[in-house]
Amino acid sequence: MSEPSYPAPRDPADLGFEAIVYEKAPPRATITLNRPEVLNAFDFRMLREIARAAEDASWDDAIRVVVVTGAGRAFCVGADLKAWSRDYLGKPDEYWKWFGAFKDAHDKLREIGKPTLARINGLCVGGGNELQMACDLSVIVSDAYIRHVGPQHGSVPAGGATQWLPIMVGERRAREIILLCEEIPAAKAEEWGLVNRCVPAAELDATVDELVEKLAAKLPQTVRYTKQQLNFWRDLAWHETVNHARDWLALSMATDEPKAAVEKFLESKE
């Protein structure tokens, strides 16, 4: 795929994506994380494809709303720890590059200039929760849960969680979610303000459709600037911390703690 010479949208079929499915049915575009065999865990390719799809949607004036969801029984469980073990543990410079792709995906999605809606169809763990928090609104299926596990796996959840959870759910609840690493059932996530709606699986698509219709009916230019204003506190927290986190987390890959934690996790899955 060659680089575009003008910010013109493309047919999704021309973009050659492998780790996501990108569909456009104006006024909606849908980004589906498509690695169900690993519960839609991020790898480098997926992160790059999310960024490119978000960029394309931002250029398409026919698209008013972007929905992010997952294939299979998970929304997203964050980083692919098996790939981490192989490619990044003990390799700080390589991890630094990976985190750059993670940051780019977040920035492209958050700065897309149109409403984004997370359709949380199942497990939502770690970076998966950070991804849904990067969206404007979210709907979660009632039998799912949200969880952070970074302190158990040797990774500070500074790709959105440490920055945005205090804003969304308050200081004490943010610390509870991150430090205890316990499951937050969907109903509690709604009660705490971590998601907008919690619905049974049979109502998930209808609820998403309803919200897409309402969002798409608003004035796009006005919505774009409204979103920019609403992003102030998220952006402030993100930009003041994320590059420091990128460097610190990269250096931590050279230490024993994450190596031992990831190896223990992978052994438990064998």
Protein backbone atom coordinates (compact mmCIF):
# COMPACT_ATOMS: atom_id res chain seq x y z
CA MET A 1 0.00 0.00 0.00
CA SER A 2 1.55 3.28 -1.12
CA GLU A 3 1.29 6.47 0.89
CA PRO A 4 -1.58 8.77 -0.17
CA SER A 5 -0.74 11.99 -1.99
CA TYR A 6 -3.90 13.71 -0.78
CA PRO A 7 -6.18 13.23 2.28
CA ALA A 8 -8.79 11.33 0.31
CA PRO A 9 -10.64 8.34 1.78
CA ARG A 10 -10.09 4.89 0.33
CA ASP A 11 -12.21 1.82 -0.19
CA PRO A 12 -11.45 -0.38 2.85
CA ALA A 13 -10.72 -3.30 0.51
CA ASP A 14 -7.79 -1.34 -0.94
CA LEU A 15 -6.08 -0.88 2.42
CA GLY A 16 -4.98 -4.50 2.80
CA PHE A 17 -5.70 -4.84 6.51
CA GLU A 18 -5.06 -8.21 8.15
CA ALA A 19 -5.42 -7.69 11.91
CA ILE A 20 -8.60 -5.59 11.75
CA VAL A 21 -11.72 -5.52 9.62
CA TYR A 22 -12.54 -2.00 8.48
CA GLU A 23 -15.99 -1.38 7.03
CA LYS A 24 -17.80 1.72 5.88
CA ALA A 25 -21.58 1.99 5.62
CA PRO A 26 -22.19 5.74 5.82
CA PRO A 27 -22.76 7.42 8.14
CA ARG A 28 -20.93 4.71 10.11
CA ALA A 29 -17.47 3.22 9.86
CA THR A 30 -16.61 0.16 11.93
CA ILE A 31 -13.17 -0.97 13.09
CA THR A 32 -13.27 -4.58 14.27
CA LEU A 33 -10.22 -5.95 16.05
CA ASN A 34 -9.79 -9.28 14.32
CA ARG A 35 -7.44 -11.58 16.21
CA PRO A 36 -10.06 -13.66 18.03
CA GLU A 37 -7.63 -16.55 18.53
CA VAL A 38 -5.73 -14.35 21.03
CA LEU A 39 -8.80 -12.46 22.29
CA ASN A 40 -7.93 -9.52 20.02
CA ALA A 41 -4.66 -8.78 21.77
CA PHE A 42 -2.67 -5.97 20.20
CA ASP A 43 0.32 -6.71 18.05
CA PHE A 44 2.33 -4.17 16.10
CA ARG A 45 0.36 -4.71 12.88
CA MET A 46 -2.99 -4.26 14.59
CA LEU A 47 -1.89 -0.98 16.14
CA ARG A 48 -0.66 0.34 12.80
CA GLU A 49 -3.89 -0.71 11.10
CA ILE A 50 -6.08 0.95 13.74
CA ALA A 51 -4.17 4.19 13.17
CA ARG A 52 -4.56 3.98 9.39
CA ALA A 53 -8.27 3.13 9.57
CA ALA A 54 -8.91 6.03 11.95
CA GLU A 55 -7.02 8.33 9.60
CA ASP A 56 -9.09 7.17 6.64
CA ALA A 57 -12.36 7.64 8.53
CA SER A 58 -11.27 11.15 9.52
CA TRP A 59 -10.83 12.00 5.84
CA ASP A 60 -14.22 10.61 4.76
CA ASP A 61 -16.93 13.28 4.96
CA ALA A 62 -19.62 10.63 4.52
CA ILE A 63 -18.59 9.05 7.82
CA ARG A 64 -20.12 10.72 10.88
CA VAL A 65 -19.46 8.07 13.57
CA VAL A 66 -16.80 5.40 14.08
CA VAL A 67 -17.60 2.21 16.01
CA VAL A 68 -14.78 0.14 17.53
CA THR A 69 -15.46 -3.48 18.47
CA GLY A 70 -13.90 -6.94 18.61
CA ALA A 71 -14.38 -10.24 16.81
CA GLY A 72 -15.33 -13.31 18.80
CA ARG A 73 -15.83 -13.39 22.56
CA ALA A 74 -13.52 -10.52 23.47
CA PHE A 75 -13.38 -6.80 22.84
CA CYS A 76 -9.64 -6.65 23.50
CA VAL A 77 -7.31 -7.94 26.21
CA GLY A 78 -4.50 -5.47 25.63
CA ALA A 79 -0.99 -6.35 24.54
CA ASP A 80 -0.12 -9.77 23.15
CA LEU A 81 2.11 -11.03 25.96
CA LYS A 82 3.37 -13.97 23.92
CA ALA A 83 4.65 -11.56 21.29
CA TRP A 84 6.04 -9.35 24.05
CA SER A 85 7.98 -12.28 25.48
CA ARG A 86 9.46 -13.06 22.09
CA ASP A 87 10.07 -9.60 20.70
CA TYR A 88 10.38 -7.04 23.50
CA LEU A 89 11.43 -8.48 26.86
CA GLY A 90 15.08 -7.60 27.35
CA LYS A 91 14.93 -5.33 24.29
CA PRO A 92 14.15 -1.79 25.47
CA ASP A 93 14.77 -0.19 22.07
CA GLU A 94 12.34 -2.55 20.35
CA TYR A 95 9.68 -2.00 23.01
CA TRP A 96 10.08 1.77 22.59
CA LYS A 97 9.22 1.35 18.91
CA TRP A 98 6.18 -0.82 19.76
CA PHE A 99 4.89 1.76 22.20
CA GLY A 100 5.20 4.38 19.50
CA ALA A 101 2.71 2.42 17.40
CA PHE A 102 0.42 2.10 20.44
CA LYS A 103 0.58 5.86 21.01
CA ASP A 104 -0.05 6.61 17.34
CA ALA A 105 -3.16 4.39 17.29
CA HIS A 106 -4.53 6.19 20.34
CA ASP A 107 -3.76 9.63 18.94
CA LYS A 108 -5.34 8.91 15.55
CA LEU A 109 -8.47 7.54 17.21
CA ARG A 110 -8.82 10.29 19.80
CA GLU A 111 -8.13 13.06 17.28
CA ILE A 112 -10.37 11.65 14.56
CA GLY A 113 -12.66 14.70 14.64
CA LYS A 114 -15.88 12.70 14.83
CA PRO A 115 -17.68 10.76 17.55
CA THR A 116 -16.33 7.33 18.40
CA LEU A 117 -18.29 4.56 20.07
CA ALA A 118 -16.84 1.45 21.71
CA ARG A 119 -19.03 -1.63 21.27
CA ILE A 120 -17.67 -3.81 24.08
CA ASN A 121 -18.82 -7.27 23.05
CA GLY A 122 -16.84 -9.27 25.63
CA LEU A 123 -13.65 -9.35 27.68
CA CYS A 124 -12.09 -5.91 28.08
CA VAL A 125 -8.73 -6.05 29.80
CA GLY A 126 -5.72 -3.75 30.14
CA GLY A 127 -5.08 -1.93 26.89
CA GLY A 128 -8.56 -2.96 25.79
CA ASN A 129 -10.02 -0.76 28.50
CA GLU A 130 -7.64 2.03 27.52
CA LEU A 131 -8.91 1.71 23.94
CA GLN A 132 -12.55 1.94 24.98
CA MET A 133 -11.75 4.92 27.22
CA ALA A 134 -10.21 6.64 24.20
CA CYS A 135 -13.66 6.53 22.57
CA ASP A 136 -16.32 9.13 23.28
CA LEU A 137 -19.06 6.72 24.30
CA SER A 138 -19.19 3.03 25.09
CA VAL A 139 -21.76 0.25 25.37
CA ILE A 140 -20.87 -2.99 27.15
CA VAL A 141 -22.60 -6.35 27.04
CA SER A 142 -23.91 -7.27 30.47
CA ASP A 143 -21.95 -10.52 30.89
CA ALA A 144 -18.57 -8.89 30.19
CA TYR A 145 -16.15 -7.30 32.63
CA ILE A 146 -13.34 -4.76 32.64
CA ARG A 147 -10.04 -5.42 34.34
CA HIS A 148 -6.50 -4.11 34.61
CA VAL A 149 -3.64 -6.52 35.24
CA GLY A 150 -0.52 -4.44 34.64
CA PRO A 151 0.79 -4.57 38.23
CA GLN A 152 0.59 -8.37 38.01
CA HIS A 153 2.28 -8.61 34.62
CA GLY A 154 5.09 -6.12 35.03
CA SER A 155 3.59 -3.25 33.05
CA VAL A 156 2.42 0.10 34.38
CA PRO A 157 -0.96 0.80 32.68
CA ALA A 158 0.14 4.25 31.53
CA GLY A 159 -1.32 3.95 28.03
CA GLY A 160 -4.51 5.65 29.16
CA ALA A 161 -5.52 4.02 32.45
CA THR A 162 -3.39 6.01 34.88
CA GLN A 163 -4.23 9.17 32.94
CA TRP A 164 -7.98 8.77 32.37
CA LEU A 165 -9.44 6.53 35.05
CA PRO A 166 -9.20 9.24 37.73
CA ILE A 167 -11.06 11.60 35.39
CA MET A 168 -13.76 9.06 34.56
CA VAL A 169 -14.40 7.21 37.82
CA GLY A 170 -12.65 9.29 40.47
CA GLU A 171 -9.34 8.98 42.28
CA ARG A 172 -10.20 6.21 44.76
CA ARG A 173 -11.97 3.99 42.25
CA ALA A 174 -9.15 4.45 39.75
CA ARG A 175 -6.67 3.21 42.34
CA GLU A 176 -8.93 0.29 43.17
CA ILE A 177 -9.20 -0.78 39.53
CA ILE A 178 -5.48 -0.49 38.81
CA LEU A 179 -3.91 -1.65 42.07
CA LEU A 180 -6.24 -4.53 42.97
CA CYS A 181 -6.44 -5.93 39.41
CA GLU A 182 -9.94 -7.25 40.09
CA GLU A 183 -12.74 -7.75 37.61
CA ILE A 184 -15.20 -4.86 37.31
CA PRO A 185 -18.52 -6.37 36.21
CA ALA A 186 -20.31 -4.59 33.39
CA ALA A 187 -23.12 -3.29 35.63
CA LYS A 188 -20.59 -1.79 38.06
CA ALA A 189 -18.65 -0.26 35.16
CA GLU A 190 -21.85 1.52 34.13
CA GLU A 191 -22.59 2.59 37.72
CA TRP A 192 -19.07 4.01 38.09
CA GLY A 193 -19.23 5.92 34.79
CA LEU A 194 -16.60 3.82 33.05
CA VAL A 195 -19.11 3.00 30.29
CA ASN A 196 -22.35 4.66 29.19
CA ARG A 197 -24.66 1.69 28.81
CA CYS A 198 -24.73 -1.91 30.02
CA VAL A 199 -27.14 -4.07 28.03
CA PRO A 200 -27.92 -7.77 27.45
CA ALA A 201 -26.23 -9.33 24.44
CA ALA A 202 -29.53 -9.42 22.56
CA GLU A 203 -29.80 -5.63 22.85
CA LEU A 204 -26.21 -4.70 22.10
CA ASP A 205 -26.53 -4.00 18.39
CA ALA A 206 -29.84 -2.14 18.73
CA THR A 207 -28.34 0.09 21.41
CA VAL A 208 -25.28 0.79 19.28
CA ASP A 209 -27.51 1.54 16.29
CA GLU A 210 -29.57 3.96 18.36
CA LEU A 211 -26.53 5.86 19.55
CA VAL A 212 -24.97 5.95 16.08
CA GLU A 213 -28.19 7.38 14.64
CA LYS A 214 -28.32 10.08 17.31
CA LEU A 215 -24.66 11.01 16.93
CA ALA A 216 -24.80 11.05 13.14
CA ALA A 217 -27.70 13.52 13.21
CA LYS A 218 -25.58 16.24 14.80
CA LEU A 219 -23.70 18.95 12.89
CA PRO A 220 -20.25 17.57 12.01
CA GLN A 221 -18.20 20.78 12.20
CA THR A 222 -19.75 21.77 15.50
CA VAL A 223 -19.33 18.26 16.89
CA ARG A 224 -15.67 18.22 15.87
CA TYR A 225 -14.87 21.33 17.89
CA THR A 226 -17.11 20.27 20.77
CA LYS A 227 -15.15 17.05 20.95
CA GLN A 228 -11.88 18.97 20.94
CA GLN A 229 -13.05 20.99 23.92
CA LEU A 230 -14.28 17.88 25.74
CA ASN A 231 -10.89 16.25 25.17
CA PHE A 232 -9.06 18.95 27.16
CA TRP A 233 -8.51 17.04 30.42
CA ARG A 234 -7.83 13.73 28.67
CA ASP A 235 -5.32 15.39 26.35
CA LEU A 236 -3.64 17.27 29.19
CA ALA A 237 -3.18 14.10 31.24
CA TRP A 238 -2.04 12.13 28.17
CA HIS A 239 0.47 14.54 26.70
CA GLU A 240 2.03 15.39 30.06
CA THR A 241 2.78 11.73 30.81
CA VAL A 242 2.74 9.40 27.83
CA ASN A 243 6.22 10.03 26.42
CA HIS A 244 7.75 9.71 29.88
CA ALA A 245 5.83 6.44 30.26
CA ARG A 246 7.11 5.28 26.88
CA ASP A 247 10.72 5.76 27.95
CA TRP A 248 10.29 4.31 31.44
CA LEU A 249 8.38 1.26 30.23
CA ALA A 250 10.98 0.66 27.53
CA LEU A 251 13.77 0.70 30.11
CA SER A 252 11.78 -1.58 32.40
CA MET A 253 11.86 -4.25 29.70
CA ALA A 254 15.53 -4.74 30.57
CA THR A 255 14.75 -5.59 34.21
CA ASP A 256 13.89 -8.91 35.82
CA GLU A 257 10.43 -8.06 37.13
CA PRO A 258 8.44 -7.91 33.86
CA LYS A 259 10.37 -10.85 32.43
CA ALA A 260 9.49 -13.07 35.40
CA ALA A 261 5.85 -11.90 35.46
CA VAL A 262 5.25 -12.47 31.74
CA GLU A 263 6.95 -15.87 31.80
CA LYS A 264 4.82 -16.91 34.78
CA PHE A 265 1.65 -15.81 32.98
CA LEU A 266 2.56 -17.67 29.80
CA GLU A 267 3.41 -20.82 31.73
CA SER A 268 -0.01 -20.69 33.40
CA LYS A 269 -1.63 -20.72 29.95
CA GLU A 270 0.23 -23.79 28.66
